[in-house]
N, C-alpha and C. Protein backbone atom coordinates (compact mmCIF):
# COMPACT_ATOMS: atom_id res chain seq x y z
N UNK A 1 54.95 26.07 -22.57
CA UNK A 1 54.84 26.48 -21.32
C UNK A 1 55.91 25.62 -20.15
N UNK A 2 57.04 24.81 -21.34
CA UNK A 2 58.28 24.21 -21.20
C UNK A 2 59.51 25.89 -21.41
N UNK A 3 58.89 26.42 -22.01
CA UNK A 3 59.49 27.65 -22.36
C UNK A 3 59.71 28.32 -21.40
N UNK A 4 58.67 28.92 -20.65
CA UNK A 4 58.56 29.67 -19.32
C UNK A 4 58.93 29.17 -18.14
N UNK A 5 58.55 27.85 -18.27
CA UNK A 5 59.52 27.46 -16.85
C UNK A 5 61.15 27.47 -17.42
N UNK A 6 61.87 27.60 -18.36
CA UNK A 6 62.53 27.42 -18.06
C UNK A 6 63.57 28.67 -18.09
N UNK A 7 62.78 29.68 -18.71
CA UNK A 7 62.50 31.25 -17.97
C UNK A 7 62.44 31.28 -17.01
N UNK A 8 62.20 30.99 -16.30
CA UNK A 8 62.14 31.33 -14.45
C UNK A 8 63.16 30.63 -14.03
N UNK A 9 63.70 29.34 -14.10
CA UNK A 9 65.01 28.66 -14.05
C UNK A 9 65.93 29.04 -14.30
N UNK A 10 66.37 30.11 -15.43
CA UNK A 10 67.13 31.00 -15.60
C UNK A 10 67.48 31.84 -14.60
N UNK A 11 65.96 32.59 -14.75
CA UNK A 11 66.30 33.52 -14.17
C UNK A 11 66.51 33.90 -12.33
N UNK A 12 65.99 32.22 -12.34
CA UNK A 12 66.70 31.91 -10.36
C UNK A 12 67.97 32.08 -10.74
N UNK A 13 68.32 31.03 -11.27
CA UNK A 13 70.21 31.02 -11.86
C UNK A 13 70.35 32.31 -11.39
N UNK A 14 69.88 33.29 -12.49
CA UNK A 14 70.93 34.63 -12.26
C UNK A 14 71.02 35.14 -11.45
N UNK A 15 69.68 35.34 -10.17
CA UNK A 15 69.46 35.90 -9.50
C UNK A 15 70.72 35.17 -7.84
N UNK A 16 70.68 34.04 -8.59
CA UNK A 16 71.80 33.11 -7.25
C UNK A 16 73.17 33.85 -7.49
N UNK A 17 73.64 33.23 -8.75
CA UNK A 17 74.47 33.61 -9.48
C UNK A 17 75.03 35.16 -9.19
N UNK A 18 74.01 36.37 -8.89
CA UNK A 18 74.04 37.82 -8.90
C UNK A 18 74.93 37.82 -7.32
N UNK A 19 74.03 36.95 -6.58
CA UNK A 19 74.46 36.97 -5.33
C UNK A 19 75.75 36.42 -4.37
N UNK A 20 75.54 35.58 -5.33
CA UNK A 20 76.78 35.03 -4.83
C UNK A 20 78.03 35.76 -5.18
N UNK A 21 78.33 36.45 -6.10
CA UNK A 21 78.96 37.78 -6.82
C UNK A 21 79.05 38.72 -5.37
N UNK A 22 78.19 39.17 -5.24
CA UNK A 22 78.03 40.52 -4.30
C UNK A 22 78.42 39.48 -3.12
N UNK A 23 78.30 38.42 -2.50
CA UNK A 23 79.08 38.12 -1.54
C UNK A 23 80.80 37.93 -1.63
N UNK A 24 81.06 37.95 -2.45
CA UNK A 24 82.76 37.70 -2.89
C UNK A 24 83.22 38.92 -2.71
N UNK A 25 82.47 39.20 -3.41
CA UNK A 25 83.28 41.18 -3.45
C UNK A 25 82.78 42.10 -1.96
N UNK A 26 82.53 40.94 -1.34
CA UNK A 26 83.08 41.72 0.28
C UNK A 26 83.58 41.00 1.15
N UNK A 27 83.86 39.58 0.23
CA UNK A 27 84.93 39.03 1.02
C UNK A 27 86.19 39.71 1.40
N UNK A 28 86.48 40.60 0.68
CA UNK A 28 87.25 41.25 0.59
C UNK A 28 87.42 43.23 0.48
N UNK A 29 87.46 43.72 1.32
CA UNK A 29 87.82 45.50 1.24
C UNK A 29 88.73 45.45 1.78
N UNK A 30 88.83 46.86 0.43
CA UNK A 30 89.50 47.98 0.54
C UNK A 30 89.95 48.52 1.41
N UNK A 31 91.44 49.38 2.28
CA UNK A 31 91.26 49.81 3.55
C UNK A 31 90.30 50.90 3.68
N UNK A 32 90.28 51.97 2.86
CA UNK A 32 89.02 52.36 3.08
C UNK A 32 87.91 52.16 3.78
N UNK A 33 87.43 51.17 2.58
CA UNK A 33 86.10 50.55 2.88
C UNK A 33 85.91 49.95 4.40
N UNK A 34 87.10 49.33 4.79
CA UNK A 34 87.07 48.76 6.19
C UNK A 34 86.87 49.18 7.30
N UNK A 35 88.05 50.63 7.09
CA UNK A 35 88.22 52.58 8.23
C UNK A 35 86.80 52.06 8.63
N UNK A 36 85.97 52.28 7.60
CA UNK A 36 84.10 52.48 7.73
C UNK A 36 83.83 51.87 8.61
N UNK A 37 83.44 50.26 7.81
CA UNK A 37 83.08 49.09 8.20
C UNK A 37 83.17 49.04 9.59
N UNK A 38 84.20 48.79 10.48
CA UNK A 38 85.03 48.86 11.72
C UNK A 38 85.35 49.79 12.47
N UNK A 39 84.65 51.26 12.04
CA UNK A 39 85.40 52.52 12.87
C UNK A 39 86.45 52.61 13.04
N UNK A 40 87.42 52.22 12.95
CA UNK A 40 89.20 52.07 13.61
C UNK A 40 89.70 53.33 12.16
N UNK A 41 90.72 53.74 13.20
CA UNK A 41 92.05 54.34 12.25
C UNK A 41 92.77 53.40 11.28
N UNK A 42 93.24 54.48 10.22
CA UNK A 42 93.98 53.63 9.41
C UNK A 42 95.11 52.95 9.92
N UNK A 43 95.68 53.91 10.65
CA UNK A 43 96.72 52.84 11.38
C UNK A 43 96.44 51.76 12.29
N UNK A 44 95.57 51.62 13.12
CA UNK A 44 94.95 50.74 14.01
C UNK A 44 94.37 50.22 13.06
N UNK A 45 93.80 49.67 12.01
CA UNK A 45 92.80 48.80 11.04
C UNK A 45 94.25 48.05 10.49
N UNK A 46 95.35 48.94 9.79
CA UNK A 46 96.69 48.12 9.04
C UNK A 46 97.06 47.25 10.68
N UNK A 47 97.55 47.68 11.93
CA UNK A 47 98.19 46.96 12.90
C UNK A 47 97.33 45.41 12.94
N UNK A 48 95.78 46.09 13.56
CA UNK A 48 94.99 44.50 13.14
C UNK A 48 95.13 43.59 12.12
N UNK A 49 94.73 44.25 11.30
CA UNK A 49 94.90 43.66 10.04
C UNK A 49 96.36 42.53 10.03
N UNK A 50 97.15 43.48 10.11
CA UNK A 50 98.51 42.73 9.58
C UNK A 50 99.15 41.72 11.03
N UNK A 51 98.57 41.84 12.13
CA UNK A 51 98.51 40.72 13.63
C UNK A 51 97.48 39.36 12.76
N UNK A 52 96.73 39.66 12.25
CA UNK A 52 95.67 38.50 11.74
C UNK A 52 95.94 38.27 10.98
N UNK A 53 97.08 38.54 9.98
CA UNK A 53 97.60 38.18 8.01
C UNK A 53 96.35 38.86 7.70
N UNK A 54 95.16 39.39 7.34
CA UNK A 54 94.57 39.57 6.62
C UNK A 54 94.89 40.24 5.40
N UNK A 55 95.81 40.53 5.52
CA UNK A 55 96.36 41.43 4.08
C UNK A 55 96.80 40.93 2.55
N UNK A 56 96.37 41.94 2.02
CA UNK A 56 96.67 41.22 1.23
C UNK A 56 97.12 42.90 -0.27
N UNK A 57 98.49 42.82 -0.59
CA UNK A 57 98.80 44.38 -1.17
C UNK A 57 99.20 42.92 -2.86
N UNK A 58 98.63 43.93 -3.76
CA UNK A 58 98.71 44.34 -5.24
C UNK A 58 98.83 45.41 -6.00
N UNK A 59 99.51 45.34 -6.28
CA UNK A 59 99.94 46.58 -7.64
C UNK A 59 99.54 47.76 -6.61
N UNK A 60 100.30 48.46 -5.12
CA UNK A 60 99.57 49.44 -4.56
C UNK A 60 98.25 49.57 -3.97
N UNK A 61 97.58 48.19 -4.33
CA UNK A 61 96.30 47.91 -3.64
C UNK A 61 96.17 47.42 -2.51
N UNK A 62 95.64 47.49 -1.36
CA UNK A 62 95.96 46.94 0.20
C UNK A 62 94.59 46.75 -0.14
N UNK A 63 93.66 45.54 0.32
CA UNK A 63 92.90 44.45 0.58
C UNK A 63 92.73 43.83 2.50
N UNK A 64 91.72 43.81 2.70
CA UNK A 64 91.91 43.16 4.09
C UNK A 64 90.55 41.77 3.56
N UNK A 65 91.50 41.13 3.87
CA UNK A 65 89.75 39.96 4.06
C UNK A 65 89.20 39.87 5.04
N UNK A 66 87.72 39.38 4.78
CA UNK A 66 86.74 39.99 6.39
C UNK A 66 87.47 38.88 7.38
N UNK A 67 86.51 37.80 6.73
CA UNK A 67 86.36 36.14 7.40
C UNK A 67 87.76 36.28 8.38
N UNK A 68 89.05 36.19 7.45
CA UNK A 68 89.85 36.78 8.50
C UNK A 68 90.28 37.62 9.89
N UNK A 69 90.02 38.50 9.29
CA UNK A 69 90.16 39.66 10.29
C UNK A 69 89.01 39.96 10.85
N UNK A 70 88.11 39.27 10.61
CA UNK A 70 86.68 39.23 12.17
C UNK A 70 87.09 38.53 12.86
N UNK A 71 87.25 37.02 12.37
CA UNK A 71 88.07 35.66 13.00
C UNK A 71 89.21 35.90 14.04
N UNK A 72 89.72 37.13 14.00
CA UNK A 72 90.89 37.99 14.87
C UNK A 72 90.41 38.66 16.09
N UNK A 73 89.09 38.91 15.62
CA UNK A 73 88.70 40.25 16.04
C UNK A 73 88.19 39.54 17.41
N UNK A 74 87.49 38.16 17.06
CA UNK A 74 86.51 38.08 18.24
C UNK A 74 87.61 37.17 19.31
N UNK A 75 89.19 37.21 19.10
CA UNK A 75 89.51 36.86 20.71
C UNK A 75 89.77 38.43 21.32
N UNK A 76 89.12 39.21 20.62
CA UNK A 76 88.98 40.70 22.39
C UNK A 76 88.05 41.03 22.24
N UNK A 77 86.84 39.95 21.95
CA UNK A 77 85.41 39.59 22.29
C UNK A 77 85.26 39.25 23.82
N UNK A 78 84.92 40.73 24.40
CA UNK A 78 84.49 40.74 26.31
C UNK A 78 82.80 40.49 26.12
N UNK A 79 82.68 39.06 27.75
CA UNK A 79 81.36 38.88 27.43
C UNK A 79 80.42 39.25 28.55
N UNK A 80 79.35 39.72 28.21
CA UNK A 80 78.48 40.73 29.03
C UNK A 80 78.45 40.78 30.60
N UNK A 81 78.62 42.10 30.67
CA UNK A 81 78.94 41.90 32.33
C UNK A 81 77.42 42.42 32.69
N UNK A 82 76.25 42.37 32.24
CA UNK A 82 74.95 42.51 32.58
C UNK A 82 74.91 40.81 33.62
N UNK A 83 73.85 40.65 34.50
CA UNK A 83 73.46 40.13 34.93
C UNK A 83 72.38 39.50 34.01
N UNK A 84 71.83 37.81 34.35
CA UNK A 84 71.02 37.02 33.31
C UNK A 84 69.28 37.71 33.99
N UNK A 85 68.97 38.45 34.22
CA UNK A 85 68.25 39.14 34.55
C UNK A 85 67.88 40.68 33.87
N UNK A 86 69.22 41.33 33.77
CA UNK A 86 68.75 42.17 33.13
C UNK A 86 69.53 42.46 31.50
N UNK A 87 70.08 41.28 31.32
CA UNK A 87 70.18 40.66 29.53
C UNK A 87 68.46 40.70 29.57
N UNK A 88 67.77 40.15 30.19
CA UNK A 88 66.68 39.19 29.48
C UNK A 88 65.54 41.09 29.90
N UNK A 89 66.10 41.89 30.38
CA UNK A 89 64.78 43.06 30.33
C UNK A 89 65.36 43.68 29.03
N UNK A 90 66.71 43.68 28.00
CA UNK A 90 67.19 44.89 26.98
C UNK A 90 66.57 43.88 25.89
């Protein structure tokens, strides 16, 4: 019985590690992926990511750190122009 309990604990730990790896992998995006995710042109994406300080360059590879980029994007967020009743209807 103890052996099956340990197997389940090992499986749970393995699943947790795999989820953490997926999250870390997505912490950075190559600029080609970021263009798709954020629906931006290459030029605009690199301009904004540069201003945000979210660009990492290594041996010809350009990565964009998502959390930094998204935090910077939030300053451009505009509040809803709908009145309270209109928002409830949607």
